[in-house]
């Protein structure tokens, strides 16, 4: 049986909970959507501070918490997606 939940705060450290994942839980989110507003440098800092470690642990689907705000530029969103693809060993998309 699979259960899903989303972290309430982008700064939460759900992955430090005892017994996290273990192949039974997949967590989505935990990327601060405000970084996408600030630009590539902030996006890279936010993503690199969480994603490589969490992908290695397993049970993590990186995405922004809740929804992408309307004031995130298309260019920043494309940068975010391609950074995730790069970390995951996938080819960058051409937008």
N, C-alpha and C. Protein backbone atom coordinates (compact mmCIF):
# COMPACT_ATOMS: atom_id res chain seq x y z
N UNK A 1 0.85 -1.17 0.00
CA UNK A 1 0.00 0.00 0.00
C UNK A 1 0.89 1.23 0.00
N UNK A 2 0.55 2.19 -0.81
CA UNK A 2 1.32 3.44 -0.88
C UNK A 2 0.52 4.59 -0.30
N UNK A 3 1.19 5.42 0.44
CA UNK A 3 0.58 6.62 1.00
C UNK A 3 1.42 7.81 0.58
N UNK A 4 0.81 8.93 0.32
CA UNK A 4 1.55 10.12 -0.06
C UNK A 4 1.25 11.27 0.88
N UNK A 5 2.22 12.12 1.06
CA UNK A 5 2.03 13.36 1.78
C UNK A 5 3.06 14.34 1.30
N UNK A 6 2.82 15.59 1.54
CA UNK A 6 3.73 16.64 1.10
C UNK A 6 4.21 17.41 2.31
N UNK A 7 5.50 17.73 2.31
CA UNK A 7 6.01 18.50 3.44
C UNK A 7 5.34 19.86 3.47
N UNK A 8 5.04 20.32 4.66
CA UNK A 8 4.34 21.60 4.80
C UNK A 8 5.26 22.79 4.61
N UNK A 9 6.53 22.61 4.88
CA UNK A 9 7.48 23.71 4.78
C UNK A 9 8.67 23.29 3.94
N UNK A 10 9.11 24.16 3.06
CA UNK A 10 10.23 23.82 2.19
C UNK A 10 11.50 23.56 2.98
N UNK A 11 11.60 24.12 4.16
CA UNK A 11 12.80 23.92 4.97
C UNK A 11 12.74 22.68 5.85
N UNK A 12 11.67 21.91 5.78
CA UNK A 12 11.57 20.74 6.63
C UNK A 12 12.61 19.70 6.23
N UNK A 13 12.99 18.91 7.17
CA UNK A 13 14.00 17.87 6.94
C UNK A 13 13.35 16.50 7.15
N UNK A 14 12.33 16.21 6.35
CA UNK A 14 11.59 14.96 6.47
C UNK A 14 12.50 13.75 6.33
N UNK A 15 13.55 13.88 5.56
CA UNK A 15 14.44 12.76 5.28
C UNK A 15 15.31 12.40 6.48
N UNK A 16 15.29 13.23 7.53
CA UNK A 16 16.04 12.91 8.72
C UNK A 16 15.21 12.11 9.72
N UNK A 17 13.95 11.88 9.38
CA UNK A 17 13.08 11.11 10.26
C UNK A 17 13.59 9.67 10.33
N UNK A 18 13.51 9.06 11.52
CA UNK A 18 13.97 7.67 11.64
C UNK A 18 13.22 6.77 10.67
N UNK A 19 13.96 5.96 9.94
CA UNK A 19 13.35 5.00 9.03
C UNK A 19 12.76 5.60 7.77
N UNK A 20 13.16 6.82 7.41
CA UNK A 20 12.61 7.46 6.21
C UNK A 20 12.80 6.57 5.00
N UNK A 21 11.81 6.51 4.19
CA UNK A 21 11.77 5.78 2.91
C UNK A 21 11.82 4.28 3.13
N UNK A 22 12.99 3.70 3.08
CA UNK A 22 13.06 2.25 3.19
C UNK A 22 12.32 1.56 2.05
N UNK A 23 12.16 2.28 0.93
CA UNK A 23 11.49 1.71 -0.22
C UNK A 23 9.98 1.74 -0.15
N UNK A 24 9.43 2.33 0.89
CA UNK A 24 7.98 2.32 1.07
C UNK A 24 7.34 3.68 0.92
N UNK A 25 8.14 4.73 0.90
CA UNK A 25 7.61 6.09 0.86
C UNK A 25 8.29 6.85 -0.27
N UNK A 26 7.51 7.62 -1.00
CA UNK A 26 8.08 8.55 -1.97
C UNK A 26 7.61 9.94 -1.58
N UNK A 27 8.57 10.83 -1.40
CA UNK A 27 8.27 12.20 -1.01
C UNK A 27 8.42 13.11 -2.22
N UNK A 28 7.46 13.98 -2.41
CA UNK A 28 7.54 14.97 -3.48
C UNK A 28 7.60 16.35 -2.85
N UNK A 29 8.31 17.24 -3.50
CA UNK A 29 8.38 18.61 -3.01
C UNK A 29 9.72 18.91 -2.38
N UNK A 30 9.69 19.71 -1.33
CA UNK A 30 10.84 20.11 -0.53
C UNK A 30 11.78 21.06 -1.23
N UNK A 31 11.42 21.56 -2.41
CA UNK A 31 12.21 22.59 -3.08
C UNK A 31 11.47 23.92 -2.88
N UNK A 32 12.16 24.88 -2.30
CA UNK A 32 11.56 26.17 -2.00
C UNK A 32 11.23 26.91 -3.28
N UNK A 33 9.95 27.11 -3.52
CA UNK A 33 9.50 27.76 -4.76
C UNK A 33 10.01 29.19 -4.88
N UNK A 34 10.34 29.81 -3.75
CA UNK A 34 10.84 31.19 -3.79
C UNK A 34 12.20 31.28 -4.49
N UNK A 35 12.96 30.18 -4.48
CA UNK A 35 14.25 30.17 -5.18
C UNK A 35 14.05 30.33 -6.68
N UNK A 36 12.94 29.79 -7.20
CA UNK A 36 12.67 29.90 -8.63
C UNK A 36 12.37 31.34 -9.04
N UNK A 37 11.90 32.14 -8.12
CA UNK A 37 11.63 33.56 -8.39
C UNK A 37 12.95 34.33 -8.45
N UNK A 38 13.90 33.95 -7.60
CA UNK A 38 15.15 34.71 -7.46
C UNK A 38 16.11 34.54 -8.62
N UNK A 39 16.09 33.40 -9.30
CA UNK A 39 16.96 33.22 -10.45
C UNK A 39 17.89 32.03 -10.35
N UNK A 40 18.69 31.81 -11.41
CA UNK A 40 19.53 30.62 -11.52
C UNK A 40 20.45 30.35 -10.34
N UNK A 41 21.09 31.36 -9.81
CA UNK A 41 22.01 31.14 -8.69
C UNK A 41 21.27 30.58 -7.47
N UNK A 42 20.13 31.19 -7.15
CA UNK A 42 19.33 30.72 -6.00
C UNK A 42 18.74 29.34 -6.27
N UNK A 43 18.34 29.10 -7.50
CA UNK A 43 17.79 27.80 -7.87
C UNK A 43 18.85 26.73 -7.68
N UNK A 44 20.04 26.98 -8.20
CA UNK A 44 21.12 25.99 -8.08
C UNK A 44 21.47 25.73 -6.63
N UNK A 45 21.55 26.77 -5.84
CA UNK A 45 21.88 26.62 -4.42
C UNK A 45 20.81 25.76 -3.72
N UNK A 46 19.55 26.05 -3.96
CA UNK A 46 18.46 25.30 -3.33
C UNK A 46 18.46 23.84 -3.78
N UNK A 47 18.56 23.62 -5.06
CA UNK A 47 18.53 22.26 -5.60
C UNK A 47 19.73 21.45 -5.14
N UNK A 48 20.91 22.01 -5.24
CA UNK A 48 22.12 21.26 -4.90
C UNK A 48 22.24 20.99 -3.40
N UNK A 49 21.55 21.78 -2.59
CA UNK A 49 21.60 21.56 -1.14
C UNK A 49 20.72 20.38 -0.72
N UNK A 50 19.86 19.89 -1.62
CA UNK A 50 18.92 18.83 -1.24
C UNK A 50 18.89 17.66 -2.21
N UNK A 51 18.81 17.94 -3.47
CA UNK A 51 18.47 16.91 -4.45
C UNK A 51 19.49 15.78 -4.56
N UNK A 52 20.80 16.04 -4.74
CA UNK A 52 21.72 14.91 -4.89
C UNK A 52 21.65 13.93 -3.72
N UNK A 53 21.64 14.45 -2.51
CA UNK A 53 21.58 13.62 -1.31
C UNK A 53 20.28 12.82 -1.26
N UNK A 54 19.16 13.48 -1.54
CA UNK A 54 17.88 12.80 -1.44
C UNK A 54 17.68 11.78 -2.54
N UNK A 55 18.16 12.05 -3.74
CA UNK A 55 18.06 11.06 -4.81
C UNK A 55 18.88 9.82 -4.47
N UNK A 56 20.01 10.04 -3.84
CA UNK A 56 20.86 8.91 -3.44
C UNK A 56 20.16 8.04 -2.40
N UNK A 57 19.45 8.67 -1.46
CA UNK A 57 18.72 7.93 -0.43
C UNK A 57 17.54 7.17 -1.02
N UNK A 58 16.95 7.73 -2.09
CA UNK A 58 15.78 7.11 -2.69
C UNK A 58 14.50 7.64 -2.06
N UNK A 59 13.39 7.39 -2.72
CA UNK A 59 12.11 7.81 -2.18
C UNK A 59 11.85 9.30 -2.29
N UNK A 60 12.46 9.95 -3.28
CA UNK A 60 12.30 11.40 -3.41
C UNK A 60 12.03 11.78 -4.86
N UNK A 61 10.99 12.57 -5.06
CA UNK A 61 10.65 13.13 -6.36
C UNK A 61 10.78 14.64 -6.21
N UNK A 62 11.87 15.24 -6.71
CA UNK A 62 12.09 16.67 -6.48
C UNK A 62 11.09 17.54 -7.23
N UNK A 63 10.47 18.42 -6.51
CA UNK A 63 9.55 19.40 -7.10
C UNK A 63 9.37 20.53 -6.10
N UNK A 64 8.76 21.60 -6.56
CA UNK A 64 8.51 22.72 -5.65
C UNK A 64 7.36 22.35 -4.71
N UNK A 65 7.38 22.96 -3.55
CA UNK A 65 6.27 22.77 -2.62
C UNK A 65 5.03 23.46 -3.18
N UNK A 66 3.94 22.76 -3.18
CA UNK A 66 2.65 23.26 -3.65
C UNK A 66 2.70 23.55 -5.16
N UNK A 67 2.49 24.76 -5.58
CA UNK A 67 2.46 25.11 -7.00
C UNK A 67 3.57 26.09 -7.36
N UNK A 68 3.91 26.13 -8.63
CA UNK A 68 4.89 27.12 -9.11
C UNK A 68 4.19 28.48 -9.14
N UNK A 69 4.73 29.48 -8.45
CA UNK A 69 4.10 30.80 -8.42
C UNK A 69 4.06 31.45 -9.81
N UNK A 70 3.07 32.30 -10.04
CA UNK A 70 2.95 32.94 -11.35
C UNK A 70 4.08 33.92 -11.67
N UNK A 71 4.84 34.35 -10.65
CA UNK A 71 5.93 35.29 -10.92
C UNK A 71 7.27 34.60 -11.19
N UNK A 72 7.27 33.27 -11.37
CA UNK A 72 8.47 32.56 -11.80
C UNK A 72 8.54 32.70 -13.32
N UNK A 73 9.67 33.20 -13.81
CA UNK A 73 9.79 33.38 -15.26
C UNK A 73 9.93 32.01 -15.94
N UNK A 74 9.57 31.97 -17.19
CA UNK A 74 9.70 30.74 -17.96
C UNK A 74 11.16 30.32 -18.02
N UNK A 75 12.06 31.27 -18.16
CA UNK A 75 13.49 30.97 -18.22
C UNK A 75 13.97 30.32 -16.92
N UNK A 76 13.52 30.85 -15.77
CA UNK A 76 13.92 30.27 -14.49
C UNK A 76 13.35 28.86 -14.33
N UNK A 77 12.11 28.65 -14.76
CA UNK A 77 11.52 27.33 -14.66
C UNK A 77 12.27 26.34 -15.55
N UNK A 78 12.62 26.75 -16.76
CA UNK A 78 13.38 25.89 -17.66
C UNK A 78 14.74 25.54 -17.06
N UNK A 79 15.38 26.51 -16.44
CA UNK A 79 16.67 26.27 -15.78
C UNK A 79 16.49 25.22 -14.68
N UNK A 80 15.46 25.36 -13.88
CA UNK A 80 15.17 24.42 -12.79
C UNK A 80 14.99 23.01 -13.34
N UNK A 81 14.17 22.86 -14.36
CA UNK A 81 13.90 21.54 -14.95
C UNK A 81 15.19 20.93 -15.51
N UNK A 82 15.96 21.72 -16.23
CA UNK A 82 17.19 21.18 -16.82
C UNK A 82 18.25 20.87 -15.78
N UNK A 83 18.28 21.61 -14.69
CA UNK A 83 19.20 21.29 -13.60
C UNK A 83 18.83 19.94 -12.98
N UNK A 84 17.55 19.71 -12.76
CA UNK A 84 17.11 18.42 -12.23
C UNK A 84 17.45 17.29 -13.20
N UNK A 85 17.26 17.53 -14.48
CA UNK A 85 17.57 16.51 -15.48
C UNK A 85 19.07 16.21 -15.49
N UNK A 86 19.88 17.26 -15.39
CA UNK A 86 21.33 17.08 -15.36
C UNK A 86 21.76 16.23 -14.17
N UNK A 87 21.22 16.53 -13.00
CA UNK A 87 21.54 15.77 -11.79
C UNK A 87 21.11 14.31 -11.95
N UNK A 88 19.98 14.12 -12.60
CA UNK A 88 19.46 12.76 -12.81
C UNK A 88 20.11 12.02 -13.98
N UNK A 89 21.07 12.66 -14.64
CA UNK A 89 21.76 12.02 -15.74
C UNK A 89 20.97 11.99 -17.04
N UNK A 90 20.03 12.90 -17.17
CA UNK A 90 19.21 12.99 -18.37
C UNK A 90 19.65 14.15 -19.25
N UNK A 91 19.35 14.03 -20.52
CA UNK A 91 19.68 15.08 -21.47
C UNK A 91 18.82 16.32 -21.19
N UNK A 92 19.43 17.50 -21.33
CA UNK A 92 18.69 18.74 -21.15
C UNK A 92 17.64 18.90 -22.25
N UNK A 93 16.54 19.51 -21.90
CA UNK A 93 15.50 19.80 -22.88
C UNK A 93 15.79 21.13 -23.57
N UNK A 94 15.37 21.25 -24.81
CA UNK A 94 15.50 22.52 -25.52
C UNK A 94 14.12 23.15 -25.56
N UNK A 95 14.02 24.31 -24.95
CA UNK A 95 12.72 25.01 -24.88
C UNK A 95 12.66 26.08 -25.93
